[in-house]
């Protein structure tokens, strides 16, 4: 291997690491939703007043989950870091649902339910050695929904919402599984 190919390999490895750590950039984000937006990073005391459409077109409000700890997870089918954390989210859903926790997956593909619905129905993930479909509520998001959360610049982005509707934590990029689990346990009083 010559010096140039070694440098190229190192550069490719660093780029892959950056994508895995920071998340996938959204191709559809409007200029008003950018890293320079002053709303980004501003903690929200209350959950945003937002309504989503589920995969069958029914309206679901975030307020309808009041009384539960909710992880609102913005993701896209093309996002590799999203695919990495989905099995963890399935595990959390299974482990903590009976204690008042739910994941709310917000599919952000530009094509909406036309792409997200078949993907959710056919894509399996290895969860404890078993091929498993996403088994938590999935809704469709768009730039207007993202704006209500202060804007997004990468996928995945997740918001951990308390039982009384306050945003406890924002995760940009791939979550830290152990940190998130500790946060969930704390908010559930486990």
N, C-alpha and C. Protein backbone atom coordinates (compact mmCIF):
# COMPACT_ATOMS: atom_id res chain seq x y z
N UNK A 1 0.86 -1.17 0.00
CA UNK A 1 0.00 0.00 0.00
C UNK A 1 0.90 1.22 0.00
N UNK A 2 0.63 2.15 -0.93
CA UNK A 2 1.46 3.35 -0.95
C UNK A 2 0.90 4.40 0.01
N UNK A 3 1.64 5.47 0.16
CA UNK A 3 1.29 6.51 1.11
C UNK A 3 -0.07 7.15 0.78
N UNK A 4 -0.36 7.39 -0.51
CA UNK A 4 -1.63 8.02 -0.90
C UNK A 4 -2.82 7.14 -0.58
N UNK A 5 -2.74 5.84 -0.86
CA UNK A 5 -3.89 4.97 -0.58
C UNK A 5 -4.09 4.82 0.93
N UNK A 6 -3.04 4.85 1.71
CA UNK A 6 -3.17 4.80 3.17
C UNK A 6 -3.85 6.05 3.69
N UNK A 7 -3.49 7.21 3.14
CA UNK A 7 -4.13 8.46 3.55
C UNK A 7 -5.60 8.47 3.15
N UNK A 8 -5.91 7.95 1.97
CA UNK A 8 -7.30 7.89 1.52
C UNK A 8 -8.12 6.96 2.41
N UNK A 9 -7.53 5.83 2.79
CA UNK A 9 -8.23 4.90 3.68
C UNK A 9 -8.51 5.55 5.04
N UNK A 10 -7.52 6.28 5.55
CA UNK A 10 -7.70 6.98 6.82
C UNK A 10 -8.78 8.03 6.71
N UNK A 11 -8.78 8.79 5.62
CA UNK A 11 -9.79 9.82 5.41
C UNK A 11 -11.19 9.20 5.30
N UNK A 12 -11.31 8.10 4.57
CA UNK A 12 -12.61 7.42 4.44
C UNK A 12 -13.09 6.93 5.80
N UNK A 13 -12.19 6.39 6.59
CA UNK A 13 -12.56 5.92 7.93
C UNK A 13 -13.02 7.06 8.82
N UNK A 14 -12.34 8.20 8.75
CA UNK A 14 -12.75 9.36 9.55
C UNK A 14 -14.11 9.88 9.12
N UNK A 15 -14.37 9.91 7.82
CA UNK A 15 -15.68 10.36 7.34
C UNK A 15 -16.79 9.44 7.81
N UNK A 16 -16.55 8.13 7.77
CA UNK A 16 -17.55 7.17 8.25
C UNK A 16 -17.81 7.38 9.74
N UNK A 17 -16.77 7.60 10.51
CA UNK A 17 -16.92 7.85 11.94
C UNK A 17 -17.74 9.11 12.20
N UNK A 18 -17.49 10.17 11.44
CA UNK A 18 -18.24 11.41 11.61
C UNK A 18 -19.72 11.18 11.32
N UNK A 19 -20.04 10.45 10.26
CA UNK A 19 -21.44 10.17 9.92
C UNK A 19 -22.09 9.36 11.03
N UNK A 20 -21.41 8.34 11.55
CA UNK A 20 -21.99 7.51 12.59
C UNK A 20 -22.21 8.27 13.88
N UNK A 21 -21.30 9.19 14.19
CA UNK A 21 -21.41 9.94 15.44
C UNK A 21 -22.42 11.06 15.31
N UNK A 22 -22.39 11.79 14.20
CA UNK A 22 -23.25 12.97 14.10
C UNK A 22 -24.59 12.70 13.46
N UNK A 23 -24.73 11.62 12.75
CA UNK A 23 -26.02 11.32 12.13
C UNK A 23 -26.02 11.66 10.66
N UNK A 24 -27.14 11.36 10.04
CA UNK A 24 -27.33 11.64 8.62
C UNK A 24 -27.84 13.05 8.46
N UNK A 25 -27.32 13.76 7.50
CA UNK A 25 -27.84 15.08 7.19
C UNK A 25 -29.10 14.91 6.38
N UNK A 26 -30.05 15.77 6.63
CA UNK A 26 -31.29 15.71 5.87
C UNK A 26 -31.15 16.49 4.59
N UNK A 27 -31.57 15.88 3.49
CA UNK A 27 -31.51 16.58 2.22
C UNK A 27 -32.67 17.54 2.06
N UNK A 28 -33.68 17.42 2.91
CA UNK A 28 -34.89 18.21 2.70
C UNK A 28 -35.03 19.39 3.67
N UNK A 29 -34.06 19.59 4.53
CA UNK A 29 -34.23 20.66 5.50
C UNK A 29 -34.17 22.01 4.82
N UNK A 30 -35.08 22.86 5.18
CA UNK A 30 -35.15 24.18 4.59
C UNK A 30 -34.07 25.07 5.20
N UNK A 31 -33.72 26.18 4.52
CA UNK A 31 -32.71 27.07 5.07
C UNK A 31 -33.08 27.60 6.45
N UNK A 32 -34.37 27.68 6.77
CA UNK A 32 -34.75 28.19 8.08
C UNK A 32 -34.50 27.18 9.19
N UNK A 33 -34.17 25.95 8.82
CA UNK A 33 -33.87 24.91 9.80
C UNK A 33 -32.42 24.51 9.57
N UNK A 34 -31.52 25.27 10.13
CA UNK A 34 -30.10 25.01 9.90
C UNK A 34 -29.36 25.07 11.22
N UNK A 35 -28.11 24.70 11.17
CA UNK A 35 -27.29 24.69 12.38
C UNK A 35 -27.14 26.10 12.95
N UNK A 36 -27.30 27.12 12.13
CA UNK A 36 -27.16 28.48 12.63
C UNK A 36 -28.46 29.03 13.20
N UNK A 37 -29.54 28.29 13.09
CA UNK A 37 -30.83 28.72 13.60
C UNK A 37 -30.74 28.88 15.11
N UNK A 38 -31.16 30.03 15.61
CA UNK A 38 -31.03 30.28 17.04
C UNK A 38 -31.92 29.37 17.88
N UNK A 39 -32.96 28.78 17.27
CA UNK A 39 -33.83 27.89 18.03
C UNK A 39 -33.15 26.57 18.34
N UNK A 40 -32.19 26.16 17.53
CA UNK A 40 -31.53 24.88 17.77
C UNK A 40 -30.76 24.93 19.08
N UNK A 41 -30.91 23.89 19.84
CA UNK A 41 -30.19 23.79 21.10
C UNK A 41 -30.86 24.53 22.24
N UNK A 42 -31.91 25.29 21.96
CA UNK A 42 -32.63 25.99 23.01
C UNK A 42 -33.53 24.99 23.72
N UNK A 43 -33.35 24.82 25.03
CA UNK A 43 -34.19 23.85 25.72
C UNK A 43 -35.65 24.30 25.71
N UNK A 44 -36.55 23.33 25.52
CA UNK A 44 -37.98 23.62 25.53
C UNK A 44 -38.54 23.13 26.85
N UNK A 45 -39.31 23.98 27.51
CA UNK A 45 -39.88 23.59 28.79
C UNK A 45 -41.13 22.75 28.60
N UNK A 46 -41.82 22.94 27.53
CA UNK A 46 -43.04 22.19 27.26
C UNK A 46 -42.88 21.45 25.95
N UNK A 47 -43.60 20.34 25.83
CA UNK A 47 -43.58 19.64 24.57
C UNK A 47 -44.24 20.51 23.51
N UNK A 48 -43.79 20.42 22.28
CA UNK A 48 -44.43 21.21 21.24
C UNK A 48 -45.85 20.72 20.97
N UNK A 49 -46.72 21.65 20.63
CA UNK A 49 -48.08 21.29 20.25
C UNK A 49 -48.02 20.85 18.79
N UNK A 50 -48.08 19.54 18.60
CA UNK A 50 -47.88 19.01 17.25
C UNK A 50 -48.80 17.82 17.02
N UNK A 51 -49.27 17.73 15.78
CA UNK A 51 -50.06 16.56 15.36
C UNK A 51 -49.33 15.89 14.21
N UNK A 52 -49.26 14.58 14.29
CA UNK A 52 -48.63 13.77 13.25
C UNK A 52 -49.72 12.99 12.52
N UNK A 53 -49.36 12.39 11.41
CA UNK A 53 -50.22 11.42 10.73
C UNK A 53 -49.54 10.07 10.89
N UNK A 54 -50.33 9.06 11.29
CA UNK A 54 -49.76 7.73 11.38
C UNK A 54 -49.70 7.13 9.97
N UNK A 55 -49.27 5.89 9.87
CA UNK A 55 -49.08 5.26 8.55
C UNK A 55 -50.39 4.98 7.83
N UNK A 56 -51.51 5.15 8.52
CA UNK A 56 -52.82 4.94 7.90
C UNK A 56 -53.56 6.26 7.69
N UNK A 57 -52.89 7.38 7.97
CA UNK A 57 -53.47 8.70 7.74
C UNK A 57 -54.21 9.30 8.91
N UNK A 58 -54.29 8.60 10.03
CA UNK A 58 -54.99 9.13 11.21
C UNK A 58 -54.10 10.14 11.95
N UNK A 59 -54.73 11.14 12.54
CA UNK A 59 -54.00 12.13 13.33
C UNK A 59 -53.65 11.58 14.70
N UNK A 60 -52.43 11.86 15.13
CA UNK A 60 -51.97 11.50 16.46
C UNK A 60 -51.26 12.73 17.01
N UNK A 61 -51.67 13.17 18.18
CA UNK A 61 -51.00 14.33 18.80
C UNK A 61 -49.98 13.85 19.81
N UNK A 62 -48.96 14.64 19.99
CA UNK A 62 -47.98 14.33 21.02
C UNK A 62 -48.63 14.41 22.40
N UNK A 63 -49.58 15.32 22.56
CA UNK A 63 -50.28 15.46 23.84
C UNK A 63 -51.05 14.21 24.22
N UNK A 64 -51.42 13.37 23.25
CA UNK A 64 -52.16 12.15 23.56
C UNK A 64 -51.31 11.14 24.34
N UNK A 65 -50.00 11.38 24.40
CA UNK A 65 -49.11 10.49 25.15
C UNK A 65 -48.84 11.01 26.56
N UNK A 66 -49.50 12.12 26.94
CA UNK A 66 -49.28 12.68 28.27
C UNK A 66 -49.54 11.62 29.33
N UNK A 67 -48.67 11.58 30.33
CA UNK A 67 -48.74 10.55 31.35
C UNK A 67 -47.71 9.45 31.11
N UNK A 68 -47.12 9.44 29.91
CA UNK A 68 -46.07 8.48 29.58
C UNK A 68 -44.75 9.23 29.37
N UNK A 69 -43.66 8.53 29.57
CA UNK A 69 -42.36 9.01 29.14
C UNK A 69 -42.25 8.62 27.67
N UNK A 70 -41.94 9.59 26.81
CA UNK A 70 -41.94 9.36 25.37
C UNK A 70 -40.58 9.73 24.79
N UNK A 71 -40.04 8.84 23.97
CA UNK A 71 -38.86 9.17 23.19
C UNK A 71 -39.34 9.45 21.77
N UNK A 72 -39.32 10.72 21.37
CA UNK A 72 -39.69 11.11 20.02
C UNK A 72 -38.42 11.01 19.18
N UNK A 73 -38.40 10.03 18.27
CA UNK A 73 -37.19 9.71 17.50
C UNK A 73 -37.41 10.04 16.02
N UNK A 74 -36.75 11.11 15.55
CA UNK A 74 -36.80 11.49 14.14
C UNK A 74 -35.76 10.66 13.38
N UNK A 75 -36.19 9.97 12.33
CA UNK A 75 -35.32 9.06 11.60
C UNK A 75 -35.71 9.06 10.13
N UNK A 76 -34.90 8.40 9.31
CA UNK A 76 -35.21 8.24 7.88
C UNK A 76 -34.74 6.85 7.44
N UNK A 77 -35.40 6.30 6.44
CA UNK A 77 -35.08 4.94 5.99
C UNK A 77 -33.67 4.82 5.44
N UNK A 78 -33.12 5.90 4.90
CA UNK A 78 -31.79 5.87 4.30
C UNK A 78 -30.67 6.14 5.30
N UNK A 79 -31.00 6.36 6.55
CA UNK A 79 -30.03 6.80 7.57
C UNK A 79 -29.41 5.60 8.29
N UNK A 80 -28.13 5.36 8.07
CA UNK A 80 -27.45 4.22 8.71
C UNK A 80 -27.40 4.33 10.24
N UNK A 81 -27.07 5.50 10.83
CA UNK A 81 -27.11 5.57 12.29
C UNK A 81 -28.51 5.29 12.84
N UNK A 82 -29.54 5.67 12.10
CA UNK A 82 -30.91 5.37 12.52
C UNK A 82 -31.11 3.86 12.58
N UNK A 83 -30.62 3.16 11.56
CA UNK A 83 -30.75 1.70 11.52
C UNK A 83 -29.97 1.05 12.66
N UNK A 84 -28.89 1.67 13.07
CA UNK A 84 -28.10 1.13 14.17
C UNK A 84 -28.87 1.20 15.48
N UNK A 85 -29.59 2.31 15.72
CA UNK A 85 -30.25 2.47 17.01
C UNK A 85 -31.66 1.89 17.06
N UNK A 86 -32.28 1.60 15.95
CA UNK A 86 -33.65 1.06 15.97
C UNK A 86 -33.76 -0.21 16.81
N UNK A 87 -32.83 -1.18 16.72
CA UNK A 87 -32.96 -2.36 17.61
C UNK A 87 -32.94 -1.99 19.09
N UNK A 88 -32.17 -0.98 19.47
CA UNK A 88 -32.14 -0.54 20.86
C UNK A 88 -33.50 0.03 21.25
N UNK A 89 -34.10 0.79 20.33
CA UNK A 89 -35.40 1.39 20.62
C UNK A 89 -36.48 0.32 20.76
N UNK A 90 -36.39 -0.71 19.93
CA UNK A 90 -37.33 -1.83 20.05
C UNK A 90 -37.16 -2.49 21.43
N UNK A 91 -35.92 -2.68 21.85
CA UNK A 91 -35.67 -3.26 23.18
C UNK A 91 -36.27 -2.40 24.29
N UNK A 92 -36.04 -1.08 24.21
CA UNK A 92 -36.58 -0.18 25.23
C UNK A 92 -38.11 -0.23 25.24
N UNK A 93 -38.71 -0.25 24.06
CA UNK A 93 -40.17 -0.32 23.97
C UNK A 93 -40.68 -1.58 24.68
N UNK A 94 -40.05 -2.69 24.41
CA UNK A 94 -40.48 -3.95 25.01
C UNK A 94 -40.24 -3.98 26.51
N UNK A 95 -39.10 -3.46 26.94
CA UNK A 95 -38.73 -3.54 28.34
C UNK A 95 -39.51 -2.57 29.22
N UNK A 96 -39.83 -1.37 28.71
CA UNK A 96 -40.38 -0.33 29.57
C UNK A 96 -41.82 0.08 29.25
N UNK A 97 -42.43 -0.48 28.22
CA UNK A 97 -43.81 -0.09 27.85
C UNK A 97 -44.78 -0.29 29.01
N UNK A 98 -44.64 -1.39 29.73
CA UNK A 98 -45.57 -1.67 30.83
C UNK A 98 -45.38 -0.72 32.01
N UNK A 99 -44.28 0.03 32.00
CA UNK A 99 -44.01 0.99 33.08
C UNK A 99 -44.38 2.42 32.69
N UNK A 100 -44.95 2.58 31.48
CA UNK A 100 -45.37 3.91 31.06
C UNK A 100 -44.43 4.61 30.10
N UNK A 101 -43.73 3.86 29.28
CA UNK A 101 -42.78 4.42 28.31
C UNK A 101 -43.22 4.03 26.90
N UNK A 102 -42.97 4.90 25.94
CA UNK A 102 -43.13 4.54 24.54
C UNK A 102 -42.15 5.31 23.68
N UNK A 103 -41.77 4.68 22.59
CA UNK A 103 -41.02 5.33 21.54
C UNK A 103 -42.05 5.80 20.52
N UNK A 104 -41.87 6.99 19.99
CA UNK A 104 -42.67 7.49 18.89
C UNK A 104 -41.71 7.77 17.74
N UNK A 105 -41.70 6.89 16.75
CA UNK A 105 -40.80 7.03 15.61
C UNK A 105 -41.40 7.97 14.58
N UNK A 106 -40.65 9.00 14.20
CA UNK A 106 -41.12 9.98 13.23
C UNK A 106 -40.32 9.82 11.94
N UNK A 107 -40.92 9.16 10.95
CA UNK A 107 -40.27 8.96 9.66
C UNK A 107 -40.20 10.26 8.88
N UNK A 108 -39.01 10.65 8.47
CA UNK A 108 -38.81 11.94 7.82
C UNK A 108 -38.44 11.85 6.34
N UNK A 109 -38.67 10.72 5.71
CA UNK A 109 -38.39 10.60 4.28
C UNK A 109 -39.26 11.58 3.50
N UNK A 110 -38.70 12.20 2.47
CA UNK A 110 -39.43 13.17 1.66
C UNK A 110 -40.71 12.60 1.07
N UNK A 111 -40.70 11.32 0.73
CA UNK A 111 -41.86 10.68 0.10
C UNK A 111 -42.92 10.27 1.11
N UNK A 112 -42.68 10.47 2.39
CA UNK A 112 -43.65 10.21 3.44
C UNK A 112 -44.03 8.75 3.57
N UNK A 113 -45.31 8.50 3.81
CA UNK A 113 -45.82 7.15 4.06
C UNK A 113 -45.60 6.22 2.88
N UNK A 114 -45.51 6.76 1.66
CA UNK A 114 -45.28 5.91 0.49
C UNK A 114 -44.00 5.11 0.59
N UNK A 115 -43.00 5.66 1.25
CA UNK A 115 -41.73 4.97 1.45
C UNK A 115 -41.66 4.34 2.84
N UNK A 116 -42.09 5.08 3.84
CA UNK A 116 -41.94 4.64 5.23
C UNK A 116 -42.79 3.40 5.53
N UNK A 117 -44.04 3.39 5.11
CA UNK A 117 -44.93 2.27 5.45
C UNK A 117 -44.41 0.93 4.95
N UNK A 118 -44.06 0.78 3.66
CA UNK A 118 -43.56 -0.54 3.23
C UNK A 118 -42.23 -0.90 3.89
N UNK A 119 -41.41 0.10 4.15
CA UNK A 119 -40.12 -0.15 4.79
C UNK A 119 -40.33 -0.69 6.20
N UNK A 120 -41.24 -0.05 6.96
CA UNK A 120 -41.53 -0.49 8.33
C UNK A 120 -42.13 -1.89 8.33
N UNK A 121 -42.94 -2.20 7.34
CA UNK A 121 -43.62 -3.50 7.30
C UNK A 121 -42.71 -4.65 6.87
N UNK A 122 -41.57 -4.33 6.23
CA UNK A 122 -40.72 -5.40 5.70
C UNK A 122 -39.30 -5.44 6.26
N UNK A 123 -38.84 -4.39 6.87
CA UNK A 123 -37.46 -4.33 7.34
C UNK A 123 -37.36 -4.87 8.76
N UNK A 124 -36.54 -5.90 8.93
CA UNK A 124 -36.37 -6.49 10.26
C UNK A 124 -35.00 -6.10 10.82
N UNK A 125 -34.94 -6.15 12.13
CA UNK A 125 -33.72 -5.81 12.87
C UNK A 125 -33.40 -6.95 13.82
N UNK A 126 -32.13 -7.16 14.06
CA UNK A 126 -31.70 -8.21 14.98
C UNK A 126 -31.87 -7.68 16.40
N UNK A 127 -32.83 -8.24 17.10
CA UNK A 127 -33.06 -7.88 18.50
C UNK A 127 -32.91 -9.16 19.32
N UNK A 128 -31.80 -9.23 20.03
CA UNK A 128 -31.49 -10.41 20.85
C UNK A 128 -31.53 -11.69 20.03
N UNK A 129 -30.97 -11.62 18.81
CA UNK A 129 -30.87 -12.80 17.96
C UNK A 129 -32.12 -13.12 17.16
N UNK A 130 -33.15 -12.31 17.28
CA UNK A 130 -34.41 -12.55 16.57
C UNK A 130 -34.67 -11.44 15.55
N UNK A 131 -35.04 -11.81 14.31
CA UNK A 131 -35.43 -10.77 13.34
C UNK A 131 -36.76 -10.14 13.79
N UNK A 132 -36.75 -8.82 13.93
CA UNK A 132 -37.89 -8.13 14.54
C UNK A 132 -38.24 -6.88 13.75
N UNK A 133 -39.54 -6.67 13.53
CA UNK A 133 -40.03 -5.44 12.93
C UNK A 133 -40.10 -4.34 13.98
N UNK A 134 -40.14 -3.10 13.56
CA UNK A 134 -40.34 -1.99 14.49
C UNK A 134 -41.73 -2.17 15.11
N UNK A 135 -41.80 -2.21 16.43
CA UNK A 135 -43.07 -2.50 17.09
C UNK A 135 -43.55 -1.36 17.98
N UNK A 136 -43.12 -0.17 17.68
CA UNK A 136 -43.61 1.00 18.39
C UNK A 136 -44.32 1.92 17.40
N UNK A 137 -45.09 2.89 17.89
CA UNK A 137 -45.84 3.75 16.97
C UNK A 137 -44.92 4.50 16.01
N UNK A 138 -45.30 4.49 14.73
CA UNK A 138 -44.57 5.20 13.68
C UNK A 138 -45.52 6.23 13.08
N UNK A 139 -45.04 7.45 12.96
CA UNK A 139 -45.79 8.53 12.34
C UNK A 139 -44.93 9.18 11.27
N UNK A 140 -45.53 10.04 10.49
CA UNK A 140 -44.82 10.73 9.41
C UNK A 140 -44.58 12.18 9.83
N UNK A 141 -43.35 12.64 9.63
CA UNK A 141 -43.01 14.02 9.93
C UNK A 141 -42.64 14.77 8.68
N UNK A 142 -42.47 16.08 8.83
CA UNK A 142 -42.02 16.94 7.74
C UNK A 142 -41.31 18.14 8.35
N UNK A 143 -40.92 19.09 7.51
CA UNK A 143 -40.19 20.25 8.01
C UNK A 143 -41.01 21.08 9.01
N UNK A 144 -42.33 21.16 8.81
CA UNK A 144 -43.17 21.91 9.75
C UNK A 144 -43.15 21.27 11.13
N UNK A 145 -43.22 19.94 11.18
CA UNK A 145 -43.14 19.22 12.45
C UNK A 145 -41.76 19.45 13.08
N UNK A 146 -40.71 19.32 12.27
CA UNK A 146 -39.34 19.52 12.79
C UNK A 146 -39.18 20.92 13.37
N UNK A 147 -39.77 21.92 12.71
CA UNK A 147 -39.68 23.30 13.21
C UNK A 147 -40.29 23.44 14.60
N UNK A 148 -41.35 22.68 14.87
CA UNK A 148 -42.00 22.76 16.18
C UNK A 148 -41.11 22.20 17.29
N UNK A 149 -40.12 21.42 16.91
CA UNK A 149 -39.15 20.90 17.88
C UNK A 149 -37.87 21.74 17.89
N UNK A 150 -37.89 22.88 17.24
CA UNK A 150 -36.72 23.75 17.22
C UNK A 150 -35.82 23.52 16.03
N UNK A 151 -36.24 22.68 15.10
CA UNK A 151 -35.45 22.41 13.90
C UNK A 151 -34.52 21.23 14.08
N UNK A 152 -34.26 20.57 12.98
CA UNK A 152 -33.36 19.41 12.96
C UNK A 152 -32.32 19.64 11.89
N UNK A 153 -31.11 19.18 12.14
CA UNK A 153 -30.10 19.25 11.07
C UNK A 153 -29.46 17.90 10.80
N UNK A 154 -29.84 16.89 11.57
CA UNK A 154 -29.29 15.55 11.35
C UNK A 154 -30.29 14.51 11.82
N UNK A 155 -30.20 13.34 11.23
CA UNK A 155 -30.97 12.18 11.68
C UNK A 155 -29.99 11.14 12.14
N UNK A 156 -30.30 10.42 13.17
CA UNK A 156 -31.45 10.58 14.02
C UNK A 156 -31.30 11.78 14.96
N UNK A 157 -32.42 12.33 15.36
CA UNK A 157 -32.50 13.29 16.46
C UNK A 157 -33.66 12.83 17.33
N UNK A 158 -33.42 12.77 18.63
CA UNK A 158 -34.44 12.27 19.55
C UNK A 158 -34.66 13.24 20.69
N UNK A 159 -35.91 13.27 21.17
CA UNK A 159 -36.29 14.10 22.30
C UNK A 159 -36.93 13.20 23.34
N UNK A 160 -36.42 13.25 24.55
CA UNK A 160 -36.99 12.48 25.65
C UNK A 160 -37.94 13.39 26.41
N UNK A 161 -39.22 13.02 26.43
CA UNK A 161 -40.28 13.85 26.98
C UNK A 161 -40.78 13.21 28.28
N UNK A 162 -40.92 14.02 29.32
CA UNK A 162 -41.38 13.54 30.63
C UNK A 162 -42.88 13.26 30.61
N UNK A 163 -43.36 12.63 31.66
CA UNK A 163 -44.78 12.30 31.76
C UNK A 163 -45.68 13.54 31.71
N UNK A 164 -45.14 14.68 32.18
CA UNK A 164 -45.94 15.90 32.17
C UNK A 164 -45.66 16.79 30.95
N UNK A 165 -44.99 16.22 29.95
CA UNK A 165 -44.85 16.92 28.68
C UNK A 165 -43.67 17.86 28.54
N UNK A 166 -42.70 17.77 29.43
CA UNK A 166 -41.50 18.61 29.31
C UNK A 166 -40.39 17.82 28.60
N UNK A 167 -39.64 18.51 27.79
CA UNK A 167 -38.53 17.85 27.10
C UNK A 167 -37.34 17.81 28.06
N UNK A 168 -36.96 16.59 28.44
CA UNK A 168 -35.89 16.39 29.41
C UNK A 168 -34.52 16.40 28.74
N UNK A 169 -34.44 15.88 27.51
CA UNK A 169 -33.13 15.76 26.86
C UNK A 169 -33.31 15.67 25.36
N UNK A 170 -32.34 16.23 24.65
CA UNK A 170 -32.30 16.17 23.18
C UNK A 170 -31.03 15.44 22.78
N UNK A 171 -31.17 14.46 21.91
CA UNK A 171 -30.03 13.70 21.40
C UNK A 171 -29.91 14.00 19.90
N UNK A 172 -28.76 14.47 19.47
CA UNK A 172 -28.51 14.70 18.05
C UNK A 172 -27.52 13.65 17.59
N UNK A 173 -27.90 12.90 16.56
CA UNK A 173 -27.05 11.82 16.08
C UNK A 173 -27.33 10.55 16.86
N UNK A 174 -26.48 9.57 16.65
CA UNK A 174 -26.64 8.25 17.26
C UNK A 174 -26.68 8.39 18.78
N UNK A 175 -27.70 7.81 19.39
CA UNK A 175 -27.84 7.89 20.84
C UNK A 175 -26.77 7.04 21.53
N UNK A 176 -26.50 7.38 22.77
CA UNK A 176 -25.69 6.53 23.62
C UNK A 176 -26.68 5.63 24.36
N UNK A 177 -26.70 4.35 24.02
CA UNK A 177 -27.70 3.43 24.54
C UNK A 177 -27.75 3.42 26.06
N UNK A 178 -26.61 3.34 26.71
CA UNK A 178 -26.57 3.26 28.17
C UNK A 178 -27.07 4.55 28.80
N UNK A 179 -26.67 5.69 28.26
CA UNK A 179 -27.10 6.98 28.80
C UNK A 179 -28.61 7.12 28.65
N UNK A 180 -29.14 6.77 27.47
CA UNK A 180 -30.58 6.88 27.26
C UNK A 180 -31.33 5.95 28.21
N UNK A 181 -30.85 4.74 28.39
CA UNK A 181 -31.55 3.82 29.29
C UNK A 181 -31.58 4.36 30.72
N UNK A 182 -30.48 4.93 31.17
CA UNK A 182 -30.44 5.53 32.51
C UNK A 182 -31.45 6.67 32.63
N UNK A 183 -31.53 7.49 31.57
CA UNK A 183 -32.49 8.61 31.56
C UNK A 183 -33.93 8.09 31.62
N UNK A 184 -34.21 7.06 30.82
CA UNK A 184 -35.56 6.46 30.82
C UNK A 184 -35.89 5.94 32.21
N UNK A 185 -34.98 5.19 32.79
CA UNK A 185 -35.21 4.62 34.13
C UNK A 185 -35.46 5.72 35.16
N UNK A 186 -34.67 6.78 35.08
CA UNK A 186 -34.83 7.89 36.02
C UNK A 186 -36.22 8.52 35.87
N UNK A 187 -36.64 8.79 34.63
CA UNK A 187 -37.92 9.43 34.40
C UNK A 187 -39.09 8.52 34.76
N UNK A 188 -38.90 7.21 34.64
CA UNK A 188 -39.95 6.26 35.02
C UNK A 188 -39.97 6.01 36.53
N UNK A 189 -38.90 6.43 37.21
CA UNK A 189 -38.81 6.17 38.64
C UNK A 189 -38.41 4.74 38.94
N UNK A 190 -37.71 4.10 37.98
CA UNK A 190 -37.30 2.69 38.15
C UNK A 190 -36.04 2.58 38.97
